[in-house]
Amino acid sequence: MDMDASTLDAVRGALLITLKVAAPILAAGVVVGLVISIVQAVTQIQEQTLVFVPKVVAMILVTLALLGWIAERLMAFAAEMFNLSV
Protein backbone atom coordinates (compact mmCIF):
# COMPACT_ATOMS: atom_id res chain seq x y z
CA MET A 1 0.00 0.00 0.00
CA ASP A 2 1.50 3.30 -1.10
CA MET A 3 1.13 6.30 1.19
CA ASP A 4 1.55 9.77 -0.19
CA ALA A 5 3.47 12.60 1.47
CA SER A 6 0.38 14.34 2.87
CA THR A 7 -0.66 11.20 4.75
CA LEU A 8 2.81 10.83 6.24
CA ASP A 9 2.81 14.52 7.19
CA ALA A 10 -0.57 14.10 8.90
CA VAL A 11 0.64 11.11 10.90
CA ARG A 12 3.87 12.90 11.80
CA GLY A 13 1.86 15.93 12.92
CA ALA A 14 -0.43 13.78 15.04
CA LEU A 15 2.52 12.13 16.77
CA LEU A 16 4.23 15.48 17.39
CA ILE A 17 1.12 17.10 18.86
CA THR A 18 0.67 14.04 21.09
CA LEU A 19 4.23 14.39 22.37
CA LYS A 20 3.85 18.14 22.92
CA VAL A 21 0.62 17.72 24.88
CA ALA A 22 1.76 14.72 26.95
CA ALA A 23 5.31 15.89 27.74
CA PRO A 24 4.52 18.42 30.52
CA ILE A 25 2.09 16.03 32.20
CA LEU A 26 4.55 13.15 32.13
CA ALA A 27 7.40 15.41 33.25
CA ALA A 28 5.39 16.42 36.32
CA GLY A 29 4.87 12.76 37.18
CA VAL A 30 8.56 11.99 36.76
CA VAL A 31 9.69 14.95 38.89
CA VAL A 32 7.24 14.17 41.70
CA GLY A 33 8.16 10.48 41.57
CA LEU A 34 11.86 11.34 41.78
CA VAL A 35 11.36 13.67 44.74
CA ILE A 36 9.22 11.12 46.59
CA SER A 37 11.76 8.38 45.86
CA ILE A 38 14.57 10.51 47.29
CA VAL A 39 12.48 11.20 50.40
CA GLN A 40 11.77 7.48 50.73
CA ALA A 41 15.46 6.64 50.41
CA VAL A 42 16.42 9.19 53.06
CA THR A 43 13.70 8.19 55.53
CA GLN A 44 13.76 4.47 54.63
CA ILE A 45 9.98 4.41 54.22
CA GLN A 46 9.24 1.91 51.47
CA GLU A 47 5.51 2.31 50.89
CA GLN A 48 4.41 1.99 47.24
CA THR A 49 1.20 3.97 47.63
CA LEU A 50 3.21 6.92 48.94
CA VAL A 51 4.56 7.44 45.41
CA PHE A 52 1.37 6.73 43.47
CA VAL A 53 -1.05 9.26 45.00
CA PRO A 54 1.18 12.37 44.79
CA LYS A 55 2.14 11.52 41.20
CA VAL A 56 -1.49 11.24 40.15
CA VAL A 57 -2.42 14.45 41.96
CA ALA A 58 0.50 16.34 40.38
CA MET A 59 -0.38 15.08 36.91
CA ILE A 60 -4.04 16.07 37.35
CA LEU A 61 -3.03 19.54 38.57
CA VAL A 62 -0.69 20.06 35.62
CA THR A 63 -3.41 18.89 33.24
CA LEU A 64 -5.90 21.32 34.75
CA ALA A 65 -3.37 24.16 34.67
CA LEU A 66 -2.54 23.53 31.00
CA LEU A 67 -6.06 22.66 29.86
CA GLY A 68 -6.46 25.85 27.84
CA TRP A 69 -3.12 25.37 26.10
CA ILE A 70 -3.88 21.70 25.39
CA ALA A 71 -7.31 22.52 23.96
CA GLU A 72 -5.81 25.28 21.80
CA ARG A 73 -3.19 22.92 20.35
CA LEU A 74 -5.72 20.16 19.68
CA MET A 75 -8.21 22.55 18.04
CA ALA A 76 -5.47 23.98 15.81
CA PHE A 77 -4.45 20.48 14.79
CA ALA A 78 -8.04 19.43 14.12
CA ALA A 79 -8.64 22.55 12.03
CA GLU A 80 -5.46 21.82 10.08
CA MET A 81 -6.61 18.25 9.42
CA PHE A 82 -10.06 19.39 8.26
CA ASN A 83 -8.51 21.99 5.96
CA LEU A 84 -6.13 19.37 4.60
CA SER A 85 -9.01 17.09 3.58
CA VAL A 86 -10.94 19.85 1.81
PDB file of N, CA and C in Angstrom:
ATOM      1  N   MET A   1       0.854  -1.178   0.000  1.00  0.00           N
ATOM      2  CA  MET A   1       0.000   0.000   0.000  1.00  0.00           C
ATOM      3  C   MET A   1       0.890   1.228   0.000  1.00  0.00           C
ATOM      4  N   ASP A   2       0.661   2.125  -0.930  1.00  0.00           N
ATOM      5  CA  ASP A   2       1.498   3.302  -1.105  1.00  0.00           C
ATOM      6  C   ASP A   2       0.865   4.505  -0.410  1.00  0.00           C
ATOM      7  N   MET A   3       1.625   5.112   0.490  1.00  0.00           N
ATOM      8  CA  MET A   3       1.134   6.301   1.188  1.00  0.00           C
ATOM      9  C   MET A   3       1.780   7.527   0.567  1.00  0.00           C
ATOM     10  N   ASP A   4       0.990   8.550   0.364  1.00  0.00           N
ATOM     11  CA  ASP A   4       1.552   9.771  -0.193  1.00  0.00           C
ATOM     12  C   ASP A   4       2.123  10.647   0.915  1.00  0.00           C
ATOM     13  N   ALA A   5       2.772  11.733   0.517  1.00  0.00           N
ATOM     14  CA  ALA A   5       3.471  12.601   1.468  1.00  0.00           C
ATOM     15  C   ALA A   5       2.513  13.289   2.433  1.00  0.00           C
ATOM     16  N   SER A   6       1.309  13.643   1.978  1.00  0.00           N
ATOM     17  CA  SER A   6       0.375  14.335   2.865  1.00  0.00           C
ATOM     18  C   SER A   6      -0.107  13.415   3.995  1.00  0.00           C
ATOM     19  N   THR A   7      -0.262  12.145   3.707  1.00  0.00           N
ATOM     20  CA  THR A   7      -0.660  11.198   4.747  1.00  0.00           C
ATOM     21  C   THR A   7       0.443  11.046   5.782  1.00  0.00           C
ATOM     22  N   LEU A   8       1.673  10.938   5.312  1.00  0.00           N
ATOM     23  CA  LEU A   8       2.805  10.835   6.237  1.00  0.00           C
ATOM     24  C   LEU A   8       2.965  12.104   7.067  1.00  0.00           C
ATOM     25  N   ASP A   9       2.741  13.256   6.455  1.00  0.00           N
ATOM     26  CA  ASP A   9       2.810  14.519   7.194  1.00  0.00           C
ATOM     27  C   ASP A   9       1.719  14.593   8.257  1.00  0.00           C
ATOM     28  N   ALA A  10       0.528  14.091   7.939  1.00  0.00           N
ATOM     29  CA  ALA A  10      -0.570  14.099   8.900  1.00  0.00           C
ATOM     30  C   ALA A  10      -0.267  13.193  10.090  1.00  0.00           C
ATOM     31  N   VAL A  11       0.276  12.030   9.817  1.00  0.00           N
ATOM     32  CA  VAL A  11       0.637  11.105  10.896  1.00  0.00           C
ATOM     33  C   VAL A  11       1.766  11.691  11.734  1.00  0.00           C
ATOM     34  N   ARG A  12       2.759  12.276  11.073  1.00  0.00           N
ATOM     35  CA  ARG A  12       3.867  12.904  11.796  1.00  0.00           C
ATOM     36  C   ARG A  12       3.353  14.042  12.679  1.00  0.00           C
ATOM     37  N   GLY A  13       2.444  14.841  12.147  1.00  0.00           N
ATOM     38  CA  GLY A  13       1.856  15.932  12.916  1.00  0.00           C
ATOM     39  C   GLY A  13       1.076  15.432  14.113  1.00  0.00           C
ATOM     40  N   ALA A  14       0.339  14.346  13.930  1.00  0.00           N
ATOM     41  CA  ALA A  14      -0.433  13.776  15.043  1.00  0.00           C
ATOM     42  C   ALA A  14       0.489  13.269  16.148  1.00  0.00           C
ATOM     43  N   LEU A  15       1.574  12.627  15.769  1.00  0.00           N
ATOM     44  CA  LEU A  15       2.521  12.134  16.772  1.00  0.00           C
ATOM     45  C   LEU A  15       3.214  13.283  17.492  1.00  0.00           C
ATOM     46  N   LEU A  16       3.573  14.331  16.766  1.00  0.00           N
ATOM     47  CA  LEU A  16       4.230  15.480  17.394  1.00  0.00           C
ATOM     48  C   LEU A  16       3.306  16.212  18.354  1.00  0.00           C
ATOM     49  N   ILE A  17       2.052  16.404  17.966  1.00  0.00           N
ATOM     50  CA  ILE A  17       1.122  17.097  18.860  1.00  0.00           C
ATOM     51  C   ILE A  17       0.854  16.245  20.102  1.00  0.00           C
ATOM     52  N   THR A  18       0.836  14.928  19.938  1.00  0.00           N
ATOM     53  CA  THR A  18       0.670  14.041  21.090  1.00  0.00           C
ATOM     54  C   THR A  18       1.841  14.180  22.055  1.00  0.00           C
ATOM     55  N   LEU A  19       3.050  14.218  21.520  1.00  0.00           N
ATOM     56  CA  LEU A  19       4.230  14.391  22.367  1.00  0.00           C
ATOM     57  C   LEU A  19       4.233  15.743  23.057  1.00  0.00           C
ATOM     58  N   LYS A  20       3.864  16.799  22.330  1.00  0.00           N
ATOM     59  CA  LYS A  20       3.853  18.141  22.917  1.00  0.00           C
ATOM     60  C   LYS A  20       2.825  18.259  24.043  1.00  0.00           C
ATOM     61  N   VAL A  21       1.682  17.633  23.872  1.00  0.00           N
ATOM     62  CA  VAL A  21       0.622  17.717  24.882  1.00  0.00           C
ATOM     63  C   VAL A  21       0.956  16.840  26.095  1.00  0.00           C
ATOM     64  N   ALA A  22       1.516  15.660  25.855  1.00  0.00           N
ATOM     65  CA  ALA A  22       1.763  14.720  26.950  1.00  0.00           C
ATOM     66  C   ALA A  22       3.041  15.021  27.724  1.00  0.00           C
ATOM     67  N   ALA A  23       4.008  15.683  27.105  1.00  0.00           N
ATOM     68  CA  ALA A  23       5.314  15.886  27.745  1.00  0.00           C
ATOM     69  C   ALA A  23       5.238  16.619  29.085  1.00  0.00           C
ATOM     70  N   PRO A  24       4.534  17.752  29.213  1.00  0.00           N
ATOM     71  CA  PRO A  24       4.516  18.418  30.516  1.00  0.00           C
ATOM     72  C   PRO A  24       3.831  17.593  31.607  1.00  0.00           C
ATOM     73  N   ILE A  25       2.811  16.849  31.227  1.00  0.00           N
ATOM     74  CA  ILE A  25       2.089  16.028  32.201  1.00  0.00           C
ATOM     75  C   ILE A  25       2.987  14.889  32.685  1.00  0.00           C
ATOM     76  N   LEU A  26       3.654  14.239  31.751  1.00  0.00           N
ATOM     77  CA  LEU A  26       4.554  13.148  32.127  1.00  0.00           C
ATOM     78  C   LEU A  26       5.760  13.666  32.899  1.00  0.00           C
ATOM     79  N   ALA A  27       6.256  14.830  32.532  1.00  0.00           N
ATOM     80  CA  ALA A  27       7.398  15.413  33.245  1.00  0.00           C
ATOM     81  C   ALA A  27       7.037  15.698  34.704  1.00  0.00           C
ATOM     82  N   ALA A  28       5.826  16.170  34.938  1.00  0.00           N
ATOM     83  CA  ALA A  28       5.393  16.418  36.316  1.00  0.00           C
ATOM     84  C   ALA A  28       5.371  15.115  37.110  1.00  0.00           C
ATOM     85  N   GLY A  29       4.890  14.055  36.512  1.00  0.00           N
ATOM     86  CA  GLY A  29       4.868  12.758  37.185  1.00  0.00           C
ATOM     87  C   GLY A  29       6.267  12.243  37.489  1.00  0.00           C
ATOM     88  N   VAL A  30       7.188  12.443  36.547  1.00  0.00           N
ATOM     89  CA  VAL A  30       8.562  11.990  36.757  1.00  0.00           C
ATOM     90  C   VAL A  30       9.233  12.782  37.870  1.00  0.00           C
ATOM     91  N   VAL A  31       9.054  14.107  37.867  1.00  0.00           N
ATOM     92  CA  VAL A  31       9.686  14.948  38.888  1.00  0.00           C
ATOM     93  C   VAL A  31       9.142  14.617  40.272  1.00  0.00           C
ATOM     94  N   VAL A  32       7.834  14.502  40.393  1.00  0.00           N
ATOM     95  CA  VAL A  32       7.244  14.175  41.696  1.00  0.00           C
ATOM     96  C   VAL A  32       7.677  12.780  42.141  1.00  0.00           C
ATOM     97  N   GLY A  33       7.706  11.830  41.232  1.00  0.00           N
ATOM     98  CA  GLY A  33       8.156  10.484  41.570  1.00  0.00           C
ATOM     99  C   GLY A  33       9.600  10.469  42.039  1.00  0.00           C
ATOM    100  N   LEU A  34      10.454  11.259  41.389  1.00  0.00           N
ATOM    101  CA  LEU A  34      11.856  11.336  41.784  1.00  0.00           C
ATOM    102  C   LEU A  34      12.012  11.949  43.169  1.00  0.00           C
ATOM    103  N   VAL A  35      11.283  13.025  43.427  1.00  0.00           N
ATOM    104  CA  VAL A  35      11.363  13.673  44.743  1.00  0.00           C
ATOM    105  C   VAL A  35      10.871  12.725  45.839  1.00  0.00           C
ATOM    106  N   ILE A  36       9.756  12.056  45.597  1.00  0.00           N
ATOM    107  CA  ILE A  36       9.219  11.120  46.590  1.00  0.00           C
ATOM    108  C   ILE A  36      10.185   9.950  46.799  1.00  0.00           C
ATOM    109  N   SER A  37      10.805   9.478  45.729  1.00  0.00           N
ATOM    110  CA  SER A  37      11.765   8.378  45.863  1.00  0.00           C
ATOM    111  C   SER A  37      12.974   8.789  46.686  1.00  0.00           C
ATOM    112  N   ILE A  38      13.445  10.009  46.490  1.00  0.00           N
ATOM    113  CA  ILE A  38      14.570  10.507  47.293  1.00  0.00           C
ATOM    114  C   ILE A  38      14.166  10.606  48.755  1.00  0.00           C
ATOM    115  N   VAL A  39      12.971  11.118  49.025  1.00  0.00           N
ATOM    116  CA  VAL A  39      12.484  11.200  50.402  1.00  0.00           C
ATOM    117  C   VAL A  39      12.360   9.806  51.010  1.00  0.00           C
ATOM    118  N   GLN A  40      11.883   8.851  50.233  1.00  0.00           N
ATOM    119  CA  GLN A  40      11.766   7.480  50.730  1.00  0.00           C
ATOM    120  C   GLN A  40      13.137   6.884  51.029  1.00  0.00           C
ATOM    121  N   ALA A  41      14.119   7.172  50.184  1.00  0.00           N
ATOM    122  CA  ALA A  41      15.464   6.639  50.412  1.00  0.00           C
ATOM    123  C   ALA A  41      16.087   7.243  51.664  1.00  0.00           C
ATOM    124  N   VAL A  42      15.848   8.523  51.894  1.00  0.00           N
ATOM    125  CA  VAL A  42      16.419   9.187  53.059  1.00  0.00           C
ATOM    126  C   VAL A  42      15.746   8.704  54.341  1.00  0.00           C
ATOM    127  N   THR A  43      14.436   8.571  54.316  1.00  0.00           N
ATOM    128  CA  THR A  43      13.700   8.191  55.527  1.00  0.00           C
ATOM    129  C   THR A  43      13.527   6.685  55.673  1.00  0.00           C
ATOM    130  N   GLN A  44      13.898   5.927  54.659  1.00  0.00           N
ATOM    131  CA  GLN A  44      13.764   4.470  54.628  1.00  0.00           C
ATOM    132  C   GLN A  44      12.317   4.004  54.781  1.00  0.00           C
ATOM    133  N   ILE A  45      11.394   4.811  54.274  1.00  0.00           N
ATOM    134  CA  ILE A  45       9.980   4.414  54.223  1.00  0.00           C
ATOM    135  C   ILE A  45       9.746   3.831  52.837  1.00  0.00           C
ATOM    136  N   GLN A  46       9.404   2.569  52.759  1.00  0.00           N
ATOM    137  CA  GLN A  46       9.238   1.910  51.466  1.00  0.00           C
ATOM    138  C   GLN A  46       7.770   1.530  51.242  1.00  0.00           C
ATOM    139  N   GLU A  47       6.946   2.517  51.118  1.00  0.00           N
ATOM    140  CA  GLU A  47       5.509   2.310  50.886  1.00  0.00           C
ATOM    141  C   GLU A  47       5.193   2.694  49.442  1.00  0.00           C
ATOM    142  N   GLN A  48       4.665   1.758  48.657  1.00  0.00           N
ATOM    143  CA  GLN A  48       4.412   1.993  47.240  1.00  0.00           C
ATOM    144  C   GLN A  48       3.313   3.011  46.988  1.00  0.00           C
ATOM    145  N   THR A  49       2.300   3.027  47.839  1.00  0.00           N
ATOM    146  CA  THR A  49       1.195   3.968  47.632  1.00  0.00           C
ATOM    147  C   THR A  49       1.615   5.396  47.912  1.00  0.00           C
ATOM    148  N   LEU A  50       2.700   5.580  48.648  1.00  0.00           N
ATOM    149  CA  LEU A  50       3.206   6.916  48.940  1.00  0.00           C
ATOM    150  C   LEU A  50       3.678   7.613  47.668  1.00  0.00           C
ATOM    151  N   VAL A  51       4.107   6.869  46.682  1.00  0.00           N
ATOM    152  CA  VAL A  51       4.556   7.439  45.414  1.00  0.00           C
ATOM    153  C   VAL A  51       3.376   7.658  44.479  1.00  0.00           C
ATOM    154  N   PHE A  52       2.452   6.726  44.453  1.00  0.00           N
ATOM    155  CA  PHE A  52       1.367   6.735  43.471  1.00  0.00           C
ATOM    156  C   PHE A  52       0.437   7.940  43.610  1.00  0.00           C
ATOM    157  N   VAL A  53      -0.045   8.200  44.796  1.00  0.00           N
ATOM    158  CA  VAL A  53      -1.048   9.256  45.002  1.00  0.00           C
ATOM    159  C   VAL A  53      -0.505  10.642  44.665  1.00  0.00           C
ATOM    160  N   PRO A  54       0.678  11.044  45.164  1.00  0.00           N
ATOM    161  CA  PRO A  54       1.179  12.372  44.794  1.00  0.00           C
ATOM    162  C   PRO A  54       1.450  12.530  43.293  1.00  0.00           C
ATOM    163  N   LYS A  55       1.899  11.451  42.646  1.00  0.00           N
ATOM    164  CA  LYS A  55       2.139  11.524  41.203  1.00  0.00           C
ATOM    165  C   LYS A  55       0.838  11.777  40.450  1.00  0.00           C
ATOM    166  N   VAL A  56      -0.198  11.065  40.815  1.00  0.00           N
ATOM    167  CA  VAL A  56      -1.493  11.242  40.150  1.00  0.00           C
ATOM    168  C   VAL A  56      -2.038  12.639  40.402  1.00  0.00           C
ATOM    169  N   VAL A  57      -1.935  13.110  41.630  1.00  0.00           N
ATOM    170  CA  VAL A  57      -2.422  14.454  41.960  1.00  0.00           C
ATOM    171  C   VAL A  57      -1.645  15.512  41.177  1.00  0.00           C
ATOM    172  N   ALA A  58      -0.323  15.382  41.114  1.00  0.00           N
ATOM    173  CA  ALA A  58       0.497  16.344  40.377  1.00  0.00           C
ATOM    174  C   ALA A  58       0.151  16.345  38.890  1.00  0.00           C
ATOM    175  N   MET A  59      -0.051  15.167  38.331  1.00  0.00           N
ATOM    176  CA  MET A  59      -0.380  15.079  36.910  1.00  0.00           C
ATOM    177  C   MET A  59      -1.753  15.672  36.629  1.00  0.00           C
ATOM    178  N   ILE A  60      -2.704  15.471  37.519  1.00  0.00           N
ATOM    179  CA  ILE A  60      -4.036  16.067  37.346  1.00  0.00           C
ATOM    180  C   ILE A  60      -3.952  17.586  37.455  1.00  0.00           C
ATOM    181  N   LEU A  61      -3.174  18.091  38.419  1.00  0.00           N
ATOM    182  CA  LEU A  61      -3.032  19.543  38.570  1.00  0.00           C
ATOM    183  C   LEU A  61      -2.366  20.180  37.356  1.00  0.00           C
ATOM    184  N   VAL A  62      -1.342  19.537  36.820  1.00  0.00           N
ATOM    185  CA  VAL A  62      -0.687  20.064  35.618  1.00  0.00           C
ATOM    186  C   VAL A  62      -1.649  20.028  34.439  1.00  0.00           C
ATOM    187  N   THR A  63      -2.424  18.973  34.318  1.00  0.00           N
ATOM    188  CA  THR A  63      -3.408  18.888  33.235  1.00  0.00           C
ATOM    189  C   THR A  63      -4.441  20.000  33.347  1.00  0.00           C
ATOM    190  N   LEU A  64      -4.928  20.253  34.551  1.00  0.00           N
ATOM    191  CA  LEU A  64      -5.903  21.323  34.748  1.00  0.00           C
ATOM    192  C   LEU A  64      -5.290  22.693  34.476  1.00  0.00           C
ATOM    193  N   ALA A  65      -4.034  22.879  34.892  1.00  0.00           N
ATOM    194  CA  ALA A  65      -3.375  24.164  34.665  1.00  0.00           C
ATOM    195  C   ALA A  65      -3.127  24.424  33.181  1.00  0.00           C
ATOM    196  N   LEU A  66      -2.854  23.383  32.421  1.00  0.00           N
ATOM    197  CA  LEU A  66      -2.543  23.531  31.003  1.00  0.00           C
ATOM    198  C   LEU A  66      -3.719  23.204  30.090  1.00  0.00           C
ATOM    199  N   LEU A  67      -4.904  23.085  30.644  1.00  0.00           N
ATOM    200  CA  LEU A  67      -6.060  22.664  29.858  1.00  0.00           C
ATOM    201  C   LEU A  67      -6.345  23.607  28.690  1.00  0.00           C
ATOM    202  N   GLY A  68      -6.239  24.900  28.917  1.00  0.00           N
ATOM    203  CA  GLY A  68      -6.465  25.853  27.835  1.00  0.00           C
ATOM    204  C   GLY A  68      -5.453  25.695  26.719  1.00  0.00           C
ATOM    205  N   TRP A  69      -4.190  25.544  27.087  1.00  0.00           N
ATOM    206  CA  TRP A  69      -3.117  25.373  26.099  1.00  0.00           C
ATOM    207  C   TRP A  69      -3.307  24.071  25.325  1.00  0.00           C
ATOM    208  N   ILE A  70      -3.659  23.002  26.039  1.00  0.00           N
ATOM    209  CA  ILE A  70      -3.876  21.702  25.393  1.00  0.00           C
ATOM    210  C   ILE A  70      -5.043  21.791  24.410  1.00  0.00           C
ATOM    211  N   ALA A  71      -6.147  22.393  24.834  1.00  0.00           N
ATOM    212  CA  ALA A  71      -7.312  22.522  23.955  1.00  0.00           C
ATOM    213  C   ALA A  71      -6.982  23.366  22.729  1.00  0.00           C
ATOM    214  N   GLU A  72      -6.205  24.419  22.924  1.00  0.00           N
ATOM    215  CA  GLU A  72      -5.810  25.281  21.802  1.00  0.00           C
ATOM    216  C   GLU A  72      -4.990  24.504  20.781  1.00  0.00           C
ATOM    217  N   ARG A  73      -4.029  23.716  21.250  1.00  0.00           N
ATOM    218  CA  ARG A  73      -3.187  22.916  20.348  1.00  0.00           C
ATOM    219  C   ARG A  73      -4.020  21.869  19.602  1.00  0.00           C
ATOM    220  N   LEU A  74      -4.910  21.198  20.319  1.00  0.00           N
ATOM    221  CA  LEU A  74      -5.722  20.163  19.680  1.00  0.00           C
ATOM    222  C   LEU A  74      -6.713  20.748  18.676  1.00  0.00           C
ATOM    223  N   MET A  75      -7.288  21.909  18.996  1.00  0.00           N
ATOM    224  CA  MET A  75      -8.209  22.548  18.043  1.00  0.00           C
ATOM    225  C   MET A  75      -7.471  23.012  16.794  1.00  0.00           C
ATOM    226  N   ALA A  76      -6.261  23.552  16.971  1.00  0.00           N
ATOM    227  CA  ALA A  76      -5.473  23.981  15.814  1.00  0.00           C
ATOM    228  C   ALA A  76      -5.117  22.791  14.933  1.00  0.00           C
ATOM    229  N   PHE A  77      -4.765  21.678  15.559  1.00  0.00           N
ATOM    230  CA  PHE A  77      -4.445  20.479  14.789  1.00  0.00           C
ATOM    231  C   PHE A  77      -5.675  19.941  14.067  1.00  0.00           C
ATOM    232  N   ALA A  78      -6.809  19.921  14.755  1.00  0.00           N
ATOM    233  CA  ALA A  78      -8.043  19.434  14.124  1.00  0.00           C
ATOM    234  C   ALA A  78      -8.437  20.327  12.948  1.00  0.00           C
ATOM    235  N   ALA A  79      -8.318  21.635  13.124  1.00  0.00           N
ATOM    236  CA  ALA A  79      -8.640  22.549  12.026  1.00  0.00           C
ATOM    237  C   ALA A  79      -7.699  22.326  10.845  1.00  0.00           C
ATOM    238  N   GLU A  80      -6.429  22.087  11.137  1.00  0.00           N
ATOM    239  CA  GLU A  80      -5.463  21.815  10.079  1.00  0.00           C
ATOM    240  C   GLU A  80      -5.812  20.535   9.333  1.00  0.00           C
ATOM    241  N   MET A  81      -6.241  19.516  10.058  1.00  0.00           N
ATOM    242  CA  MET A  81      -6.609  18.252   9.418  1.00  0.00           C
ATOM    243  C   MET A  81      -7.858  18.395   8.565  1.00  0.00           C
ATOM    244  N   PHE A  82      -8.841  19.181   9.057  1.00  0.00           N
ATOM    245  CA  PHE A  82     -10.057  19.385   8.261  1.00  0.00           C
ATOM    246  C   PHE A  82      -9.762  20.216   7.015  1.00  0.00           C
ATOM    247  N   ASN A  83      -8.877  21.193   7.124  1.00  0.00           N
ATOM    248  CA  ASN A  83      -8.507  21.991   5.963  1.00  0.00           C
ATOM    249  C   ASN A  83      -7.691  21.170   4.959  1.00  0.00           C
ATOM    250  N   LEU A  84      -6.937  20.214   5.466  1.00  0.00           N
ATOM    251  CA  LEU A  84      -6.132  19.365   4.603  1.00  0.00           C
ATOM    252  C   LEU A  84      -7.013  18.459   3.746  1.00  0.00           C
ATOM    253  N   SER A  85      -8.141  18.018   4.303  1.00  0.00           N
ATOM    254  CA  SER A  85      -9.010  17.092   3.583  1.00  0.00           C
ATOM    255  C   SER A  85      -9.907  17.800   2.569  1.00  0.00           C
ATOM    256  N   VAL A  86     -10.051  19.110   2.723  1.00  0.00           N
ATOM    257  CA  VAL A  86     -10.940  19.849   1.805  1.00  0.00           C
ATOM    258  C   VAL A  86     -10.230  20.248   0.558  1.00  0.00           C
TER     259      VAL A  86
END
